């Protein structure tokens, strides 16, 4: 089918901002590397959104490389809707609340 459209919800943008702030406290280059890995993960999802397992309700989860974060998303027709970018150790109730 080709590439899907991507919509990133404001809550997911906020998740990414919070992660960048946390990593910035440790070193200057980590926030940039984190965002590169998130962008790469979103590009992979955009190309093959059904390649990642549904973990709860209709939400797929794609782990990103290097960092302990996962992209949570829905597929709505020809659009991938990113609902969150969560640390993998976070309480799952936070994920489920977003869905």
PDB file of N, CA and C in Angstrom:
ATOM      1  N   UNK A   1       0.829  -1.194   0.000  1.00  0.00           N
ATOM      2  CA  UNK A   1       0.000   0.000   0.000  1.00  0.00           C
ATOM      3  C   UNK A   1       0.869   1.251   0.000  1.00  0.00           C
ATOM      4  N   UNK A   2       1.949   1.510   0.209  1.00  0.00           N
ATOM      5  CA  UNK A   2       2.586   2.811   0.258  1.00  0.00           C
ATOM      6  C   UNK A   2       2.637   3.349   1.678  1.00  0.00           C
ATOM      7  N   UNK A   3       3.080   4.550   1.789  1.00  0.00           N
ATOM      8  CA  UNK A   3       3.264   5.146   3.106  1.00  0.00           C
ATOM      9  C   UNK A   3       1.962   5.679   3.668  1.00  0.00           C
ATOM     10  N   UNK A   4       1.805   5.541   4.959  1.00  0.00           N
ATOM     11  CA  UNK A   4       0.648   6.069   5.668  1.00  0.00           C
ATOM     12  C   UNK A   4       0.923   7.503   6.093  1.00  0.00           C
ATOM     13  N   UNK A   5      -0.154   8.268   6.254  1.00  0.00           N
ATOM     14  CA  UNK A   5      -0.033   9.603   6.830  1.00  0.00           C
ATOM     15  C   UNK A   5       0.283   9.448   8.308  1.00  0.00           C
ATOM     16  N   UNK A   6       0.894  10.466   8.894  1.00  0.00           N
ATOM     17  CA  UNK A   6       1.234  10.442  10.319  1.00  0.00           C
ATOM     18  C   UNK A   6       0.579  11.644  10.995  1.00  0.00           C
ATOM     19  N   UNK A   7      -0.077  11.384  12.109  1.00  0.00           N
ATOM     20  CA  UNK A   7      -0.575  12.439  12.987  1.00  0.00           C
ATOM     21  C   UNK A   7       0.002  12.167  14.367  1.00  0.00           C
ATOM     22  N   UNK A   8       0.656  13.149  14.928  1.00  0.00           N
ATOM     23  CA  UNK A   8       1.223  13.013  16.269  1.00  0.00           C
ATOM     24  C   UNK A   8       0.397  13.899  17.193  1.00  0.00           C
ATOM     25  N   UNK A   9      -0.264  13.285  18.146  1.00  0.00           N
ATOM     26  CA  UNK A   9      -1.112  14.036  19.063  1.00  0.00           C
ATOM     27  C   UNK A   9      -0.268  14.933  19.970  1.00  0.00           C
ATOM     28  N   UNK A  10      -0.842  16.043  20.436  1.00  0.00           N
ATOM     29  CA  UNK A  10      -0.101  16.931  21.349  1.00  0.00           C
ATOM     30  C   UNK A  10       0.439  16.205  22.581  1.00  0.00           C
ATOM     31  N   UNK A  11      -0.285  15.233  23.076  1.00  0.00           N
ATOM     32  CA  UNK A  11       0.189  14.480  24.240  1.00  0.00           C
ATOM     33  C   UNK A  11       1.482  13.729  23.921  1.00  0.00           C
ATOM     34  N   UNK A  12       1.603  13.209  22.720  1.00  0.00           N
ATOM     35  CA  UNK A  12       2.835  12.513  22.315  1.00  0.00           C
ATOM     36  C   UNK A  12       3.991  13.504  22.155  1.00  0.00           C
ATOM     37  N   UNK A  13       3.697  14.686  21.618  1.00  0.00           N
ATOM     38  CA  UNK A  13       4.741  15.727  21.543  1.00  0.00           C
ATOM     39  C   UNK A  13       5.219  16.080  22.951  1.00  0.00           C
ATOM     40  N   UNK A  14       4.292  16.157  23.895  1.00  0.00           N
ATOM     41  CA  UNK A  14       4.662  16.457  25.283  1.00  0.00           C
ATOM     42  C   UNK A  14       5.528  15.345  25.868  1.00  0.00           C
ATOM     43  N   UNK A  15       5.200  14.102  25.578  1.00  0.00           N
ATOM     44  CA  UNK A  15       6.035  12.987  26.037  1.00  0.00           C
ATOM     45  C   UNK A  15       7.469  13.142  25.540  1.00  0.00           C
ATOM     46  N   UNK A  16       7.604  13.503  24.266  1.00  0.00           N
ATOM     47  CA  UNK A  16       8.935  13.658  23.681  1.00  0.00           C
ATOM     48  C   UNK A  16       9.685  14.823  24.322  1.00  0.00           C
ATOM     49  N   UNK A  17       8.988  15.925  24.580  1.00  0.00           N
ATOM     50  CA  UNK A  17       9.625  17.074  25.247  1.00  0.00           C
ATOM     51  C   UNK A  17      10.133  16.670  26.631  1.00  0.00           C
ATOM     52  N   UNK A  18       9.302  15.957  27.380  1.00  0.00           N
ATOM     53  CA  UNK A  18       9.701  15.538  28.725  1.00  0.00           C
ATOM     54  C   UNK A  18      10.917  14.613  28.680  1.00  0.00           C
ATOM     55  N   UNK A  19      10.962  13.714  27.720  1.00  0.00           N
ATOM     56  CA  UNK A  19      12.109  12.814  27.589  1.00  0.00           C
ATOM     57  C   UNK A  19      13.377  13.600  27.244  1.00  0.00           C
ATOM     58  N   UNK A  20      13.248  14.570  26.327  1.00  0.00           N
ATOM     59  CA  UNK A  20      14.420  15.391  25.965  1.00  0.00           C
ATOM     60  C   UNK A  20      14.936  16.147  27.181  1.00  0.00           C
ATOM     61  N   UNK A  21      14.045  16.713  27.983  1.00  0.00           N
ATOM     62  CA  UNK A  21      14.458  17.458  29.175  1.00  0.00           C
ATOM     63  C   UNK A  21      15.205  16.544  30.135  1.00  0.00           C
ATOM     64  N   UNK A  22      14.687  15.335  30.333  1.00  0.00           N
ATOM     65  CA  UNK A  22      15.330  14.403  31.250  1.00  0.00           C
ATOM     66  C   UNK A  22      16.732  14.057  30.755  1.00  0.00           C
ATOM     67  N   UNK A  23      16.870  13.736  29.467  1.00  0.00           N
ATOM     68  CA  UNK A  23      18.185  13.374  28.930  1.00  0.00           C
ATOM     69  C   UNK A  23      19.133  14.565  28.892  1.00  0.00           C
ATOM     70  N   UNK A  24      18.616  15.763  28.716  1.00  0.00           N
ATOM     71  CA  UNK A  24      19.463  16.959  28.688  1.00  0.00           C
ATOM     72  C   UNK A  24      20.168  17.152  30.036  1.00  0.00           C
ATOM     73  N   UNK A  25      19.579  16.674  31.094  1.00  0.00           N
ATOM     74  CA  UNK A  25      20.199  16.789  32.424  1.00  0.00           C
ATOM     75  C   UNK A  25      21.456  15.930  32.530  1.00  0.00           C
ATOM     76  N   UNK A  26      21.591  14.961  31.644  1.00  0.00           N
ATOM     77  CA  UNK A  26      22.715  14.031  31.720  1.00  0.00           C
ATOM     78  C   UNK A  26      23.822  14.337  30.730  1.00  0.00           C
ATOM     79  N   UNK A  27      23.469  14.755  29.545  1.00  0.00           N
ATOM     80  CA  UNK A  27      24.487  15.106  28.541  1.00  0.00           C
ATOM     81  C   UNK A  27      23.816  15.854  27.394  1.00  0.00           C
ATOM     82  N   UNK A  28      24.583  16.646  26.688  1.00  0.00           N
ATOM     83  CA  UNK A  28      24.032  17.469  25.616  1.00  0.00           C
ATOM     84  C   UNK A  28      23.578  16.688  24.398  1.00  0.00           C
ATOM     85  N   UNK A  29      24.283  15.622  24.053  1.00  0.00           N
ATOM     86  CA  UNK A  29      23.973  14.943  22.794  1.00  0.00           C
ATOM     87  C   UNK A  29      22.838  13.928  22.886  1.00  0.00           C
ATOM     88  N   UNK A  30      22.490  13.475  24.087  1.00  0.00           N
ATOM     89  CA  UNK A  30      21.457  12.451  24.202  1.00  0.00           C
ATOM     90  C   UNK A  30      20.078  12.900  23.706  1.00  0.00           C
ATOM     91  N   UNK A  31      19.624  14.121  23.989  1.00  0.00           N
ATOM     92  CA  UNK A  31      18.310  14.509  23.454  1.00  0.00           C
ATOM     93  C   UNK A  31      18.245  14.440  21.931  1.00  0.00           C
ATOM     94  N   UNK A  32      19.306  14.855  21.272  1.00  0.00           N
ATOM     95  CA  UNK A  32      19.348  14.804  19.808  1.00  0.00           C
ATOM     96  C   UNK A  32      19.316  13.359  19.320  1.00  0.00           C
ATOM     97  N   UNK A  33      20.082  12.488  19.972  1.00  0.00           N
ATOM     98  CA  UNK A  33      20.104  11.074  19.582  1.00  0.00           C
ATOM     99  C   UNK A  33      18.750  10.409  19.833  1.00  0.00           C
ATOM    100  N   UNK A  34      18.114  10.766  20.935  1.00  0.00           N
ATOM    101  CA  UNK A  34      16.781  10.240  21.223  1.00  0.00           C
ATOM    102  C   UNK A  34      15.804  10.620  20.113  1.00  0.00           C
ATOM    103  N   UNK A  35      15.795  11.881  19.736  1.00  0.00           N
ATOM    104  CA  UNK A  35      14.858  12.335  18.706  1.00  0.00           C
ATOM    105  C   UNK A  35      15.164  11.690  17.357  1.00  0.00           C
ATOM    106  N   UNK A  36      16.424  11.459  17.052  1.00  0.00           N
ATOM    107  CA  UNK A  36      16.762  10.759  15.809  1.00  0.00           C
ATOM    108  C   UNK A  36      16.164   9.352  15.805  1.00  0.00           C
ATOM    109  N   UNK A  37      16.252   8.674  16.937  1.00  0.00           N
ATOM    110  CA  UNK A  37      15.710   7.311  17.026  1.00  0.00           C
ATOM    111  C   UNK A  37      14.184   7.311  16.970  1.00  0.00           C
ATOM    112  N   UNK A  38      13.555   8.315  17.575  1.00  0.00           N
ATOM    113  CA  UNK A  38      12.094   8.419  17.493  1.00  0.00           C
ATOM    114  C   UNK A  38      11.666   8.682  16.061  1.00  0.00           C
ATOM    115  N   UNK A  39      12.349   9.600  15.378  1.00  0.00           N
ATOM    116  CA  UNK A  39      12.017   9.876  13.969  1.00  0.00           C
ATOM    117  C   UNK A  39      12.196   8.635  13.102  1.00  0.00           C
ATOM    118  N   UNK A  40      13.266   7.896  13.350  1.00  0.00           N
ATOM    119  CA  UNK A  40      13.501   6.659  12.616  1.00  0.00           C
ATOM    120  C   UNK A  40      12.380   5.652  12.889  1.00  0.00           C
ATOM    121  N   UNK A  41      11.981   5.533  14.143  1.00  0.00           N
ATOM    122  CA  UNK A  41      10.889   4.631  14.500  1.00  0.00           C
ATOM    123  C   UNK A  41       9.590   5.027  13.820  1.00  0.00           C
ATOM    124  N   UNK A  42       9.286   6.310  13.791  1.00  0.00           N
ATOM    125  CA  UNK A  42       8.065   6.783  13.131  1.00  0.00           C
ATOM    126  C   UNK A  42       8.129   6.516  11.632  1.00  0.00           C
ATOM    127  N   UNK A  43       9.294   6.687  11.031  1.00  0.00           N
ATOM    128  CA  UNK A  43       9.441   6.400   9.598  1.00  0.00           C
ATOM    129  C   UNK A  43       9.182   4.920   9.312  1.00  0.00           C
ATOM    130  N   UNK A  44       9.681   4.045  10.180  1.00  0.00           N
ATOM    131  CA  UNK A  44       9.434   2.607   9.997  1.00  0.00           C
ATOM    132  C   UNK A  44       7.955   2.284  10.157  1.00  0.00           C
ATOM    133  N   UNK A  45       7.334   2.890  11.152  1.00  0.00           N
ATOM    134  CA  UNK A  45       5.898   2.685  11.356  1.00  0.00           C
ATOM    135  C   UNK A  45       5.118   3.179  10.149  1.00  0.00           C
ATOM    136  N   UNK A  46       5.488   4.322   9.634  1.00  0.00           N
ATOM    137  CA  UNK A  46       4.794   4.910   8.486  1.00  0.00           C
ATOM    138  C   UNK A  46       4.839   3.967   7.278  1.00  0.00           C
ATOM    139  N   UNK A  47       5.953   3.283   7.114  1.00  0.00           N
ATOM    140  CA  UNK A  47       6.113   2.379   5.974  1.00  0.00           C
ATOM    141  C   UNK A  47       5.419   1.038   6.200  1.00  0.00           C
ATOM    142  N   UNK A  48       5.449   0.542   7.429  1.00  0.00           N
ATOM    143  CA  UNK A  48       4.884  -0.791   7.718  1.00  0.00           C
ATOM    144  C   UNK A  48       4.152  -0.785   9.059  1.00  0.00           C
ATOM    145  N   UNK A  49       3.048  -0.076   9.149  1.00  0.00           N
ATOM    146  CA  UNK A  49       2.380   0.067  10.448  1.00  0.00           C
ATOM    147  C   UNK A  49       1.844  -1.231  11.035  1.00  0.00           C
ATOM    148  N   UNK A  50       1.525  -2.214  10.202  1.00  0.00           N
ATOM    149  CA  UNK A  50       0.969  -3.471  10.710  1.00  0.00           C
ATOM    150  C   UNK A  50       2.062  -4.449  11.167  1.00  0.00           C
ATOM    151  N   UNK A  51       3.312  -4.052  11.042  1.00  0.00           N
ATOM    152  CA  UNK A  51       4.420  -4.927  11.440  1.00  0.00           C
ATOM    153  C   UNK A  51       4.573  -5.008  12.959  1.00  0.00           C
ATOM    154  N   UNK A  52       3.947  -4.115  13.686  1.00  0.00           N
ATOM    155  CA  UNK A  52       4.099  -4.056  15.132  1.00  0.00           C
ATOM    156  C   UNK A  52       2.832  -4.570  15.811  1.00  0.00           C
ATOM    157  N   UNK A  53       3.034  -5.303  16.886  1.00  0.00           N
ATOM    158  CA  UNK A  53       1.930  -5.981  17.569  1.00  0.00           C
ATOM    159  C   UNK A  53       0.978  -5.007  18.253  1.00  0.00           C
ATOM    160  N   UNK A  54      -0.282  -5.418  18.303  1.00  0.00           N
ATOM    161  CA  UNK A  54      -1.270  -4.710  19.113  1.00  0.00           C
ATOM    162  C   UNK A  54      -1.058  -5.174  20.547  1.00  0.00           C
ATOM    163  N   UNK A  55      -0.892  -4.209  21.457  1.00  0.00           N
ATOM    164  CA  UNK A  55      -0.617  -4.557  22.850  1.00  0.00           C
ATOM    165  C   UNK A  55      -1.816  -4.349  23.760  1.00  0.00           C
ATOM    166  N   UNK A  56      -2.688  -3.413  23.437  1.00  0.00           N
ATOM    167  CA  UNK A  56      -3.894  -3.186  24.224  1.00  0.00           C
ATOM    168  C   UNK A  56      -4.892  -2.466  23.339  1.00  0.00           C
ATOM    169  N   UNK A  57      -6.162  -2.752  23.558  1.00  0.00           N
ATOM    170  CA  UNK A  57      -7.231  -2.217  22.724  1.00  0.00           C
ATOM    171  C   UNK A  57      -6.805  -2.367  21.263  1.00  0.00           C
ATOM    172  N   UNK A  58      -6.732  -1.300  20.502  1.00  0.00           N
ATOM    173  CA  UNK A  58      -6.265  -1.353  19.108  1.00  0.00           C
ATOM    174  C   UNK A  58      -4.905  -0.662  18.948  1.00  0.00           C
ATOM    175  N   UNK A  59      -4.188  -0.504  20.043  1.00  0.00           N
ATOM    176  CA  UNK A  59      -2.942   0.257  20.053  1.00  0.00           C
ATOM    177  C   UNK A  59      -1.746  -0.658  19.781  1.00  0.00           C
ATOM    178  N   UNK A  60      -0.982  -0.268  18.765  1.00  0.00           N
ATOM    179  CA  UNK A  60       0.271  -0.939  18.425  1.00  0.00           C
ATOM    180  C   UNK A  60       1.393  -0.269  19.214  1.00  0.00           C
ATOM    181  N   UNK A  61       2.439  -1.040  19.497  1.00  0.00           N
ATOM    182  CA  UNK A  61       3.605  -0.487  20.185  1.00  0.00           C
ATOM    183  C   UNK A  61       4.856  -0.868  19.407  1.00  0.00           C
ATOM    184  N   UNK A  62       5.677   0.148  19.114  1.00  0.00           N
ATOM    185  CA  UNK A  62       6.960  -0.071  18.439  1.00  0.00           C
ATOM    186  C   UNK A  62       8.073   0.461  19.338  1.00  0.00           C
ATOM    187  N   UNK A  63       8.953  -0.431  19.780  1.00  0.00           N
ATOM    188  CA  UNK A  63      10.092   0.002  20.581  1.00  0.00           C
ATOM    189  C   UNK A  63      11.082   0.722  19.683  1.00  0.00           C
ATOM    190  N   UNK A  64      11.712   1.745  20.230  1.00  0.00           N
ATOM    191  CA  UNK A  64      12.743   2.436  19.451  1.00  0.00           C
ATOM    192  C   UNK A  64      14.100   1.841  19.828  1.00  0.00           C
ATOM    193  N   UNK A  65      15.066   2.045  18.966  1.00  0.00           N
ATOM    194  CA  UNK A  65      16.417   1.535  19.198  1.00  0.00           C
ATOM    195  C   UNK A  65      17.143   2.371  20.242  1.00  0.00           C
ATOM    196  N   UNK A  66      18.050   1.735  20.955  1.00  0.00           N
ATOM    197  CA  UNK A  66      18.995   2.339  21.886  1.00  0.00           C
ATOM    198  C   UNK A  66      18.336   2.802  23.186  1.00  0.00           C
ATOM    199  N   UNK A  67      17.245   3.528  23.108  1.00  0.00           N
ATOM    200  CA  UNK A  67      16.602   4.123  24.275  1.00  0.00           C
ATOM    201  C   UNK A  67      15.428   3.271  24.746  1.00  0.00           C
ATOM    202  N   UNK A  68      15.121   3.307  26.034  1.00  0.00           N
ATOM    203  CA  UNK A  68      14.019   2.498  26.559  1.00  0.00           C
ATOM    204  C   UNK A  68      12.659   3.189  26.397  1.00  0.00           C
ATOM    205  N   UNK A  69      12.309   3.498  25.166  1.00  0.00           N
ATOM    206  CA  UNK A  69      11.035   4.155  24.864  1.00  0.00           C
ATOM    207  C   UNK A  69      10.311   3.376  23.779  1.00  0.00           C
ATOM    208  N   UNK A  70       8.990   3.513  23.785  1.00  0.00           N
ATOM    209  CA  UNK A  70       8.171   2.863  22.769  1.00  0.00           C
ATOM    210  C   UNK A  70       7.139   3.852  22.252  1.00  0.00           C
ATOM    211  N   UNK A  71       6.876   3.756  20.965  1.00  0.00           N
ATOM    212  CA  UNK A  71       5.881   4.601  20.308  1.00  0.00           C
ATOM    213  C   UNK A  71       4.564   3.838  20.304  1.00  0.00           C
ATOM    214  N   UNK A  72       3.530   4.462  20.828  1.00  0.00           N
ATOM    215  CA  UNK A  72       2.195   3.860  20.895  1.00  0.00           C
ATOM    216  C   UNK A  72       1.331   4.548  19.846  1.00  0.00           C
ATOM    217  N   UNK A  73       0.658   3.750  19.010  1.00  0.00           N
ATOM    218  CA  UNK A  73      -0.090   4.359  17.914  1.00  0.00           C
ATOM    219  C   UNK A  73      -1.295   3.518  17.516  1.00  0.00           C
ATOM    220  N   UNK A  74      -2.217   4.194  16.868  1.00  0.00           N
ATOM    221  CA  UNK A  74      -3.405   3.580  16.276  1.00  0.00           C
ATOM    222  C   UNK A  74      -3.310   3.703  14.769  1.00  0.00           C
ATOM    223  N   UNK A  75      -3.982   2.819  14.063  1.00  0.00           N
ATOM    224  CA  UNK A  75      -4.089   2.929  12.614  1.00  0.00           C
ATOM    225  C   UNK A  75      -5.550   3.233  12.316  1.00  0.00           C
ATOM    226  N   UNK A  76      -5.768   4.400  11.726  1.00  0.00           N
ATOM    227  CA  UNK A  76      -7.121   4.834  11.384  1.00  0.00           C
ATOM    228  C   UNK A  76      -7.142   5.091   9.879  1.00  0.00           C
ATOM    229  N   UNK A  77      -7.732   4.153   9.151  1.00  0.00           N
ATOM    230  CA  UNK A  77      -7.765   4.184   7.688  1.00  0.00           C
ATOM    231  C   UNK A  77      -6.351   4.276   7.150  1.00  0.00           C
ATOM    232  N   UNK A  78      -5.986   5.387   6.497  1.00  0.00           N
ATOM    233  CA  UNK A  78      -4.638   5.501   5.927  1.00  0.00           C
ATOM    234  C   UNK A  78      -3.724   6.388   6.767  1.00  0.00           C
ATOM    235  N   UNK A  79      -4.055   6.517   8.066  1.00  0.00           N
ATOM    236  CA  UNK A  79      -3.299   7.394   8.944  1.00  0.00           C
ATOM    237  C   UNK A  79      -2.841   6.645  10.193  1.00  0.00           C
ATOM    238  N   UNK A  80      -1.596   6.867  10.558  1.00  0.00           N
ATOM    239  CA  UNK A  80      -1.057   6.393  11.826  1.00  0.00           C
ATOM    240  C   UNK A  80      -1.178   7.556  12.796  1.00  0.00           C
ATOM    241  N   UNK A  81      -1.847   7.305  13.920  1.00  0.00           N
ATOM    242  CA  UNK A  81      -2.034   8.327  14.945  1.00  0.00           C
ATOM    243  C   UNK A  81      -1.170   7.961  16.142  1.00  0.00           C
ATOM    244  N   UNK A  82      -0.111   8.739  16.359  1.00  0.00           N
ATOM    245  CA  UNK A  82       0.788   8.497  17.488  1.00  0.00           C
ATOM    246  C   UNK A  82       0.142   9.108  18.722  1.00  0.00           C
ATOM    247  N   UNK A  83      -0.182   8.246  19.701  1.00  0.00           N
ATOM    248  CA  UNK A  83      -0.862   8.735  20.899  1.00  0.00           C
ATOM    249  C   UNK A  83       0.090   8.926  22.070  1.00  0.00           C
ATOM    250  N   UNK A  84       1.283   8.335  21.998  1.00  0.00           N
ATOM    251  CA  UNK A  84       2.227   8.502  23.092  1.00  0.00           C
ATOM    252  C   UNK A  84       3.592   7.952  22.751  1.00  0.00           C
ATOM    253  N   UNK A  85       4.584   8.477  23.451  1.00  0.00           N
ATOM    254  CA  UNK A  85       5.945   7.961  23.379  1.00  0.00           C
ATOM    255  C   UNK A  85       6.363   7.780  24.836  1.00  0.00           C
ATOM    256  N   UNK A  86       6.261   6.533  25.303  1.00  0.00           N
ATOM    257  CA  UNK A  86       6.415   6.254  26.725  1.00  0.00           C
ATOM    258  C   UNK A  86       7.696   5.496  27.023  1.00  0.00           C
ATOM    259  N   UNK A  87       8.260   5.784  28.190  1.00  0.00           N
ATOM    260  CA  UNK A  87       9.363   4.996  28.718  1.00  0.00           C
ATOM    261  C   UNK A  87       8.829   3.593  28.951  1.00  0.00           C
ATOM    262  N   UNK A  88       9.622   2.585  28.679  1.00  0.00           N
ATOM    263  CA  UNK A  88       9.130   1.212  28.775  1.00  0.00           C
ATOM    264  C   UNK A  88       8.895   0.760  30.214  1.00  0.00           C
ATOM    265  N   UNK A  89       9.403   1.495  31.191  1.00  0.00           N
ATOM    266  CA  UNK A  89       9.192   1.123  32.594  1.00  0.00           C
ATOM    267  C   UNK A  89       8.009   1.854  33.228  1.00  0.00           C
ATOM    268  N   UNK A  90       7.303   2.655  32.445  1.00  0.00           N
ATOM    269  CA  UNK A  90       6.191   3.437  32.997  1.00  0.00           C
ATOM    270  C   UNK A  90       5.009   2.531  33.335  1.00  0.00           C
ATOM    271  N   UNK A  91       4.219   2.959  34.275  1.00  0.00           N
ATOM    272  CA  UNK A  91       3.020   2.226  34.667  1.00  0.00           C
ATOM    273  C   UNK A  91       2.086   2.095  33.461  1.00  0.00           C
ATOM    274  N   UNK A  92       1.711   0.875  33.087  1.00  0.00           N
ATOM    275  CA  UNK A  92       0.852   0.674  31.909  1.00  0.00           C
ATOM    276  C   UNK A  92      -0.497   1.384  31.992  1.00  0.00           C
ATOM    277  N   UNK A  93      -0.933   1.751  33.156  1.00  0.00           N
ATOM    278  CA  UNK A  93      -2.210   2.473  33.271  1.00  0.00           C
ATOM    279  C   UNK A  93      -2.147   3.809  32.545  1.00  0.00           C
ATOM    280  N   UNK A  94      -0.963   4.412  32.465  1.00  0.00           N
ATOM    281  CA  UNK A  94      -0.833   5.671  31.727  1.00  0.00           C
ATOM    282  C   UNK A  94      -1.059   5.455  30.246  1.00  0.00           C
ATOM    283  N   UNK A  95      -0.564   4.331  29.692  1.00  0.00           N
ATOM    284  CA  UNK A  95      -0.794   4.037  28.274  1.00  0.00           C
ATOM    285  C   UNK A  95      -2.266   3.871  28.020  1.00  0.00           C
ATOM    286  N   UNK A  96      -2.873   3.038  28.841  1.00  0.00           N
ATOM    287  CA  UNK A  96      -4.263   2.671  28.598  1.00  0.00           C
ATOM    288  C   UNK A  96      -5.193   3.862  28.720  1.00  0.00           C
ATOM    289  N   UNK A  97      -4.821   4.810  29.544  1.00  0.00           N
ATOM    290  CA  UNK A  97      -5.614   6.026  29.693  1.00  0.00           C
ATOM    291  C   UNK A  97      -5.663   6.809  28.377  1.00  0.00           C
ATOM    292  N   UNK A  98      -4.570   6.822  27.644  1.00  0.00           N
ATOM    293  CA  UNK A  98      -4.516   7.557  26.375  1.00  0.00           C
ATOM    294  C   UNK A  98      -5.362   6.923  25.295  1.00  0.00           C
ATOM    295  N   UNK A  99      -5.493   5.610  25.310  1.00  0.00           N
ATOM    296  CA  UNK A  99      -6.252   4.916  24.264  1.00  0.00           C
ATOM    297  C   UNK A  99      -7.716   5.188  24.449  1.00  0.00           C
TER     298      UNK A  99
END
